[in-house]
Amino acid sequence: MSEREVLISTRDLRKYYQVKSGLFSRSRGIVRAVDGVDLEIHKGETLGLVGESGCGKTTLGQLILRLEEATTGEIFYRNRDVLNITAEQLRKLRRSMQVIFQDPFASLDPRMTVGSILEEAFIIHRMLTRTERQKKVFELLQKVELRPELFKRYPHEFSGGQRQRIGIARALALDPEFIVCDEAVSALDVSIQAQIMNLLIRLQSQLDLTYLFIAHDLNVVQYISDRIAVMYLGRIVELAPVEKLANGDIHPYTSALLAASPEPDPNAEREKRILSGEIPSPIDPPKGCHFHPRCPRKMEHCDAKVPALAEVEPGHGVRCFLYHDRLEKEAQK
C-alpha cells in the first residue's frame, strides 16, 4: 500500500471554532475540532476514519473537500495546494472530489425529481446537451442498481437504501476519482448497510475510485477499508492496515473501540475494556495526551507531554508513549 501514488495529503491541518455567548457575544473559548492532522490517502484505496461522535471526523472530511476552511495547515491534491487556488480552479477541482452524505433523505431536495437531482451537476458545470444529460442520468441509475424509469419519481417515494443509492449516483455524476463517504451507511438497516457497502466496493473496482470512509462503527470500517485511521478529540491516534488492527498491538483507545463492537459469533471470547469517564470537552481538552484521563494504561508523563504519531512498524503509526518507550528500548539494544 505504501508504494501507491499519494492522491491526497494533509500537513498539520487544524480547524478551530470560536465559541461565543452572552449579550455581547463574548468569547468562551476555542473548539479544536481538528488539531494537527497529518494524513495521506493513496489512489485507489479506501481509508477508513473512525472514532466517537464529536471527535472531528466529519470536519476533517469537509476540510479536505473545502466545504470548511482550515484555520491553519496544508491540503494537497495530486501535489497541488488546494488552499491556494482561485475560485475557478476550485470549481474545476470539485468535479474530481465528491461527497456522499449521512442522511439520504435530508441530502436530497424533496421538490425535485430524481432525474432533476442527478442532472443538476451537469447544468451547474455547463456540461452536455439536454439529450446527453438524460442519457447520463439513465446510466447513473443503472450503475447504482436502480431502474432508469424511476427518474421521474421524488425522493419520498423511495426507501432509505434507494435514496442512498441516488446519493451515490449524484456523487458519481461528474466522474470523480475521490469521494468522502460521510457516515454513508449509519442511517440504514444492517442488511441494507451490507448492500450499500458491497455496491461501493464494486463501483470502486469498476471506476478506480478512492474513498475516505467515515464511520463510528469499527466493524463496518474494517469490512470496507484497506487502512484505518482512528481519531480522538481532533487527533489521529492510530493509523494502520486493517489486518494490523485485528492482530497486532494497538492503541488503548482503538482496543476499547474493538471491544465495544458487536461480536457476530456468540461463542467467541473477547476481553472487555470499558472506558471510564466522559469524553473531555473539545473547548478544554486535557493537557498532554488527550486520552490519558480515560486510559487504563496511563503513565506518569502522559498528562504532561503530547506523544507523536510514531511508526512502530512499517505502515503502522501509534500516538502513545507505551510504544515510544518500547521503540527506545529496542533502539538501545
Protein backbone atom coordinates (compact mmCIF):
# COMPACT_ATOMS: atom_id res chain seq x y z
CA MET A 1 0.00 0.00 0.00
CA SER A 2 2.82 2.40 0.78
CA GLU A 3 4.05 2.18 -2.85
CA ARG A 4 0.76 3.56 -4.18
CA GLU A 5 0.50 7.08 -5.53
CA VAL A 6 -0.50 9.61 -2.87
CA LEU A 7 -3.69 11.26 -4.09
CA ILE A 8 -4.45 13.50 -1.09
CA SER A 9 -2.30 14.57 1.82
CA THR A 10 -2.70 16.93 4.76
CA ARG A 11 0.02 18.55 6.88
CA ASP A 12 -0.60 19.86 10.39
CA LEU A 13 -4.24 20.51 9.45
CA ARG A 14 -6.25 22.38 12.08
CA LYS A 15 -9.77 23.72 12.38
CA TYR A 16 -10.67 25.84 15.41
CA TYR A 17 -14.09 27.33 16.12
CA GLN A 18 -14.60 30.37 18.33
CA VAL A 19 -17.32 29.77 20.92
CA LYS A 20 -19.26 32.91 21.87
CA SER A 21 -22.15 33.54 24.23
CA GLY A 22 -23.95 36.28 26.09
CA LEU A 23 -25.43 39.61 25.06
CA PHE A 24 -22.13 40.93 23.70
CA SER A 25 -21.04 37.63 22.12
CA ARG A 26 -18.02 37.31 24.33
CA SER A 27 -15.59 34.52 23.58
CA ARG A 28 -15.90 31.49 25.84
CA GLY A 29 -13.10 29.54 24.28
CA ILE A 30 -11.99 27.66 21.19
CA VAL A 31 -13.21 24.27 19.97
CA ARG A 32 -10.28 22.35 18.49
CA ALA A 33 -12.30 20.22 16.07
CA VAL A 34 -9.24 19.14 14.06
CA ASP A 35 -5.97 19.55 15.90
CA GLY A 36 -2.89 18.93 13.77
CA VAL A 37 -3.69 16.07 11.37
CA ASP A 38 -1.05 14.62 9.04
CA LEU A 39 -2.63 12.13 6.66
CA GLU A 40 -2.01 10.51 3.28
CA ILE A 41 -4.71 8.88 1.15
CA HIS A 42 -3.41 6.64 -1.63
CA LYS A 43 -5.03 6.44 -5.03
CA GLY A 44 -7.45 3.51 -5.33
CA GLU A 45 -7.64 2.74 -1.62
CA THR A 46 -10.36 3.07 0.99
CA LEU A 47 -9.10 4.85 4.08
CA GLY A 48 -11.48 4.32 6.98
CA LEU A 49 -11.79 7.12 9.55
CA VAL A 50 -13.32 6.01 12.83
CA GLY A 51 -13.94 7.49 16.26
CA GLU A 52 -16.61 8.52 18.74
CA SER A 53 -19.14 11.24 17.94
CA GLY A 54 -17.58 14.69 18.19
CA CYS A 55 -14.01 13.57 17.53
CA GLY A 56 -13.71 15.66 14.33
CA LYS A 57 -14.18 13.01 11.63
CA THR A 58 -16.78 14.87 9.58
CA THR A 59 -14.95 18.19 9.96
CA LEU A 60 -11.77 16.60 8.59
CA GLY A 61 -13.67 15.32 5.55
CA GLN A 62 -15.21 18.76 4.99
CA LEU A 63 -11.80 20.42 5.24
CA ILE A 64 -10.36 18.13 2.56
CA LEU A 65 -13.30 18.97 0.27
CA ARG A 66 -13.04 22.67 1.22
CA LEU A 67 -16.61 22.72 2.43
CA GLU A 68 -14.97 24.16 5.55
CA GLU A 69 -11.94 26.43 5.50
CA ALA A 70 -8.91 25.36 7.52
CA THR A 71 -7.60 27.52 10.35
CA THR A 72 -4.02 26.50 9.58
CA GLY A 73 -2.25 23.69 7.76
CA GLU A 74 -1.95 22.40 4.21
CA ILE A 75 -4.02 20.16 1.92
CA PHE A 76 -2.59 18.72 -1.28
CA TYR A 77 -4.44 17.01 -4.13
CA ARG A 78 -2.01 15.38 -6.56
CA ASN A 79 0.74 17.55 -5.02
CA ARG A 80 -1.31 20.68 -5.69
CA ASP A 81 -2.00 23.02 -2.76
CA VAL A 82 -5.79 23.24 -2.77
CA LEU A 83 -5.83 26.01 -0.14
CA ASN A 84 -4.10 28.42 -2.53
CA ILE A 85 -6.09 28.18 -5.76
CA THR A 86 -8.53 30.54 -7.44
CA ALA A 87 -12.31 30.18 -7.27
CA GLU A 88 -12.39 28.94 -10.88
CA GLN A 89 -9.66 26.36 -10.17
CA LEU A 90 -11.59 25.18 -7.12
CA ARG A 91 -14.76 24.87 -9.20
CA LYS A 92 -12.95 22.59 -11.65
CA LEU A 93 -11.38 20.63 -8.79
CA ARG A 94 -14.81 19.86 -7.34
CA ARG A 95 -15.51 17.61 -10.34
CA SER A 96 -12.81 15.27 -9.03
CA MET A 97 -13.86 15.37 -5.34
CA GLN A 98 -17.38 14.49 -4.23
CA VAL A 99 -19.27 13.51 -1.07
CA ILE A 100 -21.96 11.04 -0.01
CA PHE A 101 -23.86 12.41 2.98
CA GLN A 102 -25.11 10.58 6.07
CA ASP A 103 -28.85 11.29 5.78
CA PRO A 104 -30.13 10.02 2.41
CA PHE A 105 -33.39 11.97 2.78
CA ALA A 106 -32.20 15.36 4.07
CA SER A 107 -29.46 15.49 1.41
CA LEU A 108 -31.99 15.22 -1.46
CA ASP A 109 -34.26 18.14 -2.41
CA PRO A 110 -37.84 16.87 -1.86
CA ARG A 111 -39.16 19.28 -4.52
CA MET A 112 -37.01 17.81 -7.30
CA THR A 113 -37.40 14.54 -9.18
CA VAL A 114 -34.55 12.06 -9.15
CA GLY A 115 -33.79 12.96 -12.77
CA SER A 116 -33.51 16.66 -11.91
CA ILE A 117 -31.29 15.91 -8.90
CA LEU A 118 -28.85 13.89 -10.98
CA GLU A 119 -28.96 16.33 -13.89
CA GLU A 120 -28.20 19.35 -11.72
CA ALA A 121 -24.43 18.80 -11.60
CA PHE A 122 -24.19 18.88 -15.41
CA ILE A 123 -26.19 22.11 -15.54
CA ILE A 124 -24.03 23.81 -12.89
CA HIS A 125 -20.83 22.84 -14.70
CA ARG A 126 -22.34 23.61 -18.14
CA MET A 127 -21.80 20.09 -19.44
CA LEU A 128 -23.70 18.08 -22.07
CA THR A 129 -26.84 18.81 -24.03
CA ARG A 130 -30.31 18.06 -22.65
CA THR A 131 -30.48 14.74 -24.51
CA GLU A 132 -26.97 13.78 -23.36
CA ARG A 133 -27.84 14.70 -19.77
CA GLN A 134 -30.90 12.45 -19.77
CA LYS A 135 -28.86 9.58 -21.18
CA LYS A 136 -26.26 10.12 -18.47
CA VAL A 137 -28.98 10.10 -15.78
CA PHE A 138 -30.16 6.69 -17.01
CA GLU A 139 -26.58 5.37 -16.92
CA LEU A 140 -26.09 6.65 -13.36
CA LEU A 141 -29.26 4.94 -12.13
CA GLN A 142 -28.14 1.67 -13.70
CA LYS A 143 -24.71 1.97 -12.04
CA VAL A 144 -26.33 2.07 -8.61
CA GLU A 145 -28.74 -0.76 -9.50
CA LEU A 146 -31.94 1.33 -9.84
CA ARG A 147 -34.33 1.12 -12.77
CA PRO A 148 -33.91 4.06 -15.20
CA GLU A 149 -37.68 4.60 -15.42
CA LEU A 150 -37.64 5.77 -11.79
CA PHE A 151 -36.11 9.11 -12.83
CA LYS A 152 -39.50 10.88 -12.68
CA ARG A 153 -40.15 9.98 -9.05
CA TYR A 154 -39.49 12.16 -5.98
CA PRO A 155 -37.22 11.24 -3.03
CA HIS A 156 -40.14 10.49 -0.66
CA GLU A 157 -41.25 7.67 -2.98
CA PHE A 158 -38.07 5.68 -2.27
CA SER A 159 -36.83 3.64 0.69
CA GLY A 160 -33.81 4.73 2.72
CA GLY A 161 -31.49 2.36 0.89
CA GLN A 162 -32.78 3.50 -2.51
CA ARG A 163 -32.33 7.14 -1.53
CA GLN A 164 -28.73 6.46 -0.55
CA ARG A 165 -28.19 4.84 -3.96
CA ILE A 166 -29.46 8.08 -5.50
CA GLY A 167 -26.96 9.98 -3.34
CA ILE A 168 -24.19 7.71 -4.61
CA ALA A 169 -25.32 8.24 -8.21
CA ARG A 170 -25.19 12.01 -7.68
CA ALA A 171 -21.64 11.73 -6.33
CA LEU A 172 -20.63 9.76 -9.44
CA ALA A 173 -22.21 12.18 -11.92
CA LEU A 174 -19.05 14.15 -12.78
CA ASP A 175 -16.76 11.09 -12.86
CA PRO A 176 -14.77 11.93 -9.69
CA GLU A 177 -11.77 9.97 -8.51
CA PHE A 178 -12.12 10.79 -4.79
CA ILE A 179 -15.28 10.50 -2.68
CA VAL A 180 -15.80 11.26 1.01
CA CYS A 181 -18.38 8.80 2.39
CA ASP A 182 -19.56 10.67 5.47
CA GLU A 183 -21.37 8.10 7.66
CA ALA A 184 -22.87 6.85 4.39
CA VAL A 185 -24.44 3.72 5.91
CA SER A 186 -25.06 4.66 9.55
CA ALA A 187 -28.71 5.65 8.96
CA LEU A 188 -29.56 2.34 7.26
CA ASP A 189 -30.66 -1.09 8.48
CA VAL A 190 -27.88 -3.65 8.86
CA SER A 191 -28.88 -5.70 5.80
CA ILE A 192 -29.09 -2.54 3.68
CA GLN A 193 -25.72 -1.39 5.03
CA ALA A 194 -24.13 -4.54 3.59
CA GLN A 195 -25.77 -3.93 0.19
CA ILE A 196 -24.58 -0.33 0.03
CA MET A 197 -21.02 -1.24 1.10
CA ASN A 198 -20.86 -4.01 -1.49
CA LEU A 199 -22.08 -1.52 -4.10
CA LEU A 200 -19.36 0.95 -3.08
CA ILE A 201 -16.72 -1.79 -3.32
CA ARG A 202 -17.93 -2.80 -6.79
CA LEU A 203 -18.01 0.80 -8.02
CA GLN A 204 -14.52 1.38 -6.66
CA SER A 205 -13.21 -1.57 -8.64
CA GLN A 206 -15.01 -0.56 -11.83
CA LEU A 207 -14.28 3.18 -11.74
CA ASP A 208 -10.90 3.26 -9.92
CA LEU A 209 -12.30 5.36 -7.08
CA THR A 210 -10.60 6.45 -3.87
CA TYR A 211 -12.68 6.69 -0.68
CA LEU A 212 -12.37 8.38 2.68
CA PHE A 213 -14.93 6.29 4.56
CA ILE A 214 -16.06 7.98 7.78
CA ALA A 215 -17.96 5.96 10.39
CA HIS A 216 -18.21 5.33 14.13
CA ASP A 217 -18.70 1.55 13.81
CA LEU A 218 -15.31 -0.14 13.68
CA ASN A 219 -16.81 -3.38 12.30
CA VAL A 220 -18.25 -1.50 9.32
CA VAL A 221 -14.96 0.31 8.70
CA GLN A 222 -12.97 -2.93 8.89
CA TYR A 223 -15.21 -4.54 6.26
CA ILE A 224 -14.70 -1.91 3.57
CA SER A 225 -11.31 -0.32 4.31
CA ASP A 226 -7.73 -1.03 3.30
CA ARG A 227 -6.31 1.13 6.10
CA ILE A 228 -7.92 2.65 9.17
CA ALA A 229 -7.22 5.96 10.90
CA VAL A 230 -8.54 6.21 14.47
CA MET A 231 -9.41 9.72 15.64
CA TYR A 232 -9.82 11.05 19.16
CA LEU A 233 -10.52 14.70 20.08
CA GLY A 234 -9.22 16.10 16.80
CA ARG A 235 -6.07 13.97 16.56
CA ILE A 236 -5.20 10.77 14.71
CA VAL A 237 -4.13 8.33 17.45
CA GLU A 238 -3.54 5.31 15.25
CA LEU A 239 -3.12 4.61 11.53
CA ALA A 240 -2.66 1.08 10.24
CA PRO A 241 -3.69 -1.52 7.68
CA VAL A 242 -6.88 -3.37 8.67
CA GLU A 243 -5.09 -6.63 9.46
CA LYS A 244 -2.71 -4.87 11.88
CA LEU A 245 -5.60 -3.59 13.99
CA ALA A 246 -7.10 -7.06 14.14
CA ASN A 247 -3.91 -8.90 15.07
CA GLY A 248 -1.24 -6.54 16.40
CA ASP A 249 -0.52 -4.29 19.36
CA ILE A 250 -2.86 -1.33 19.20
CA HIS A 251 -3.56 1.98 20.91
CA PRO A 252 -5.61 1.61 24.15
CA TYR A 253 -8.42 3.68 22.58
CA THR A 254 -8.53 1.51 19.45
CA SER A 255 -8.56 -1.54 21.67
CA ALA A 256 -11.58 -0.16 23.56
CA LEU A 257 -13.41 0.56 20.28
CA LEU A 258 -12.82 -3.01 19.14
CA ALA A 259 -14.07 -4.40 22.44
CA ALA A 260 -17.22 -2.29 22.18
CA SER A 261 -18.07 -3.52 18.67
CA PRO A 262 -20.73 -6.26 18.41
CA GLU A 263 -19.31 -9.75 18.00
CA PRO A 264 -21.30 -11.87 15.49
CA ASP A 265 -20.01 -15.16 16.93
CA PRO A 266 -21.85 -15.85 20.24
CA ASN A 267 -19.18 -18.36 21.27
CA ALA A 268 -16.25 -16.03 20.70
CA GLU A 269 -14.49 -14.76 23.80
CA ARG A 270 -13.44 -11.13 23.91
CA GLU A 271 -11.74 -9.21 26.66
CA LYS A 272 -13.92 -6.39 27.98
CA ARG A 273 -12.31 -2.96 28.02
CA ILE A 274 -14.82 -0.45 29.34
CA LEU A 275 -13.61 3.14 29.27
CA SER A 276 -14.17 5.19 32.40
CA GLY A 277 -15.19 8.82 32.48
CA GLU A 278 -16.77 11.10 29.92
CA ILE A 279 -15.26 12.35 26.66
CA PRO A 280 -13.43 15.59 27.55
CA SER A 281 -14.75 18.85 26.15
CA PRO A 282 -13.00 19.96 22.94
CA ILE A 283 -13.14 23.51 24.36
CA ASP A 284 -10.88 22.49 27.23
CA PRO A 285 -9.07 19.29 26.19
CA PRO A 286 -6.67 17.58 28.62
CA LYS A 287 -3.02 18.56 28.51
CA GLY A 288 -0.56 16.07 27.13
CA CYS A 289 -2.18 13.02 25.58
CA HIS A 290 -5.88 13.82 25.13
CA PHE A 291 -6.81 10.24 26.02
CA HIS A 292 -4.94 9.97 29.32
CA PRO A 293 -7.93 10.74 31.67
CA ARG A 294 -9.73 7.63 30.35
CA CYS A 295 -6.75 5.41 29.58
CA PRO A 296 -6.40 2.19 31.64
CA ARG A 297 -2.64 2.11 30.88
CA LYS A 298 -1.79 5.74 31.72
CA MET A 299 1.79 6.51 32.72
CA GLU A 300 3.30 9.43 34.66
CA HIS A 301 4.27 11.64 31.73
CA CYS A 302 1.05 11.12 29.72
CA ASP A 303 -0.59 14.21 31.25
CA ALA A 304 2.38 16.48 30.51
CA LYS A 305 3.71 15.59 27.05
CA VAL A 306 1.98 15.13 23.69
CA PRO A 307 3.06 11.85 22.04
CA ALA A 308 3.91 11.93 18.34
CA LEU A 309 2.37 9.54 15.83
CA ALA A 310 5.33 7.14 15.87
CA GLU A 311 5.76 4.33 13.34
CA VAL A 312 6.00 1.14 15.42
CA GLU A 313 6.39 -0.94 12.26
CA PRO A 314 6.15 -0.17 8.54
CA GLY A 315 2.77 1.37 7.77
CA HIS A 316 1.59 1.30 11.40
CA GLY A 317 1.65 4.54 13.37
CA VAL A 318 0.54 4.90 17.01
CA ARG A 319 0.27 8.07 19.12
CA CYS A 320 1.07 6.53 22.51
CA PHE A 321 4.02 6.58 24.94
CA LEU A 322 3.64 2.84 25.52
CA TYR A 323 5.05 2.27 22.06
CA HIS A 324 7.51 5.17 22.19
CA ASP A 325 9.15 3.60 25.25
CA ARG A 326 9.25 0.20 23.56
CA LEU A 327 10.91 1.68 20.45
CA GLU A 328 13.53 3.43 22.60
CA LYS A 329 14.39 0.19 24.41
CA GLU A 330 14.67 -1.70 21.12
CA ALA A 331 16.93 1.02 19.69
CA GLN A 332 19.25 0.80 22.71
CA LYS A 333 19.82 -2.95 22.29
